[in-house]
């Protein structure tokens, strides 16, 4: 059974102007814990990318919608749940990109989900079309003493 050591949550409006506030929210929580700078940077980048995808794809850049972020530490596991109420998608239909081909053709964009999956240990989606979309990012930490 997991023991919750820390819980924080916040809500942000769906504008790219808030990405800095979201990064600060996550950074301030992670700084309370003994997490290496490299791991911290990976987590912040994954959250930033997930929120950017929500703003661009779920909300189509409409700035008046909500993004809810919940952060929980359980023993040595960090769990970040990001919830939106925008347009749903089926993550199983997002193909794994061929990075060499992508690079050869100088493509821009479209690597967000691949990036998130490569930065985190686990990425789970719970999609309820027309109701809410939820992505949970999990990072297993080798050693942490949060709070």
Foldseek 3Di string as FASTA:
>chain_A
DWDWDDKDKDKAWLALVCLVVVLVVLLVQCVLKPDDPVLNVLVSLLVSLVSVCCCCPFVVVDGGFMWMWMWIDTQQKIKIKIKGQGADDDVVPLDDDPVVVCVVVVPDDSCNVVSNPVSAVDWDWDDDGNGMIMIMGMHGHPDMDRD
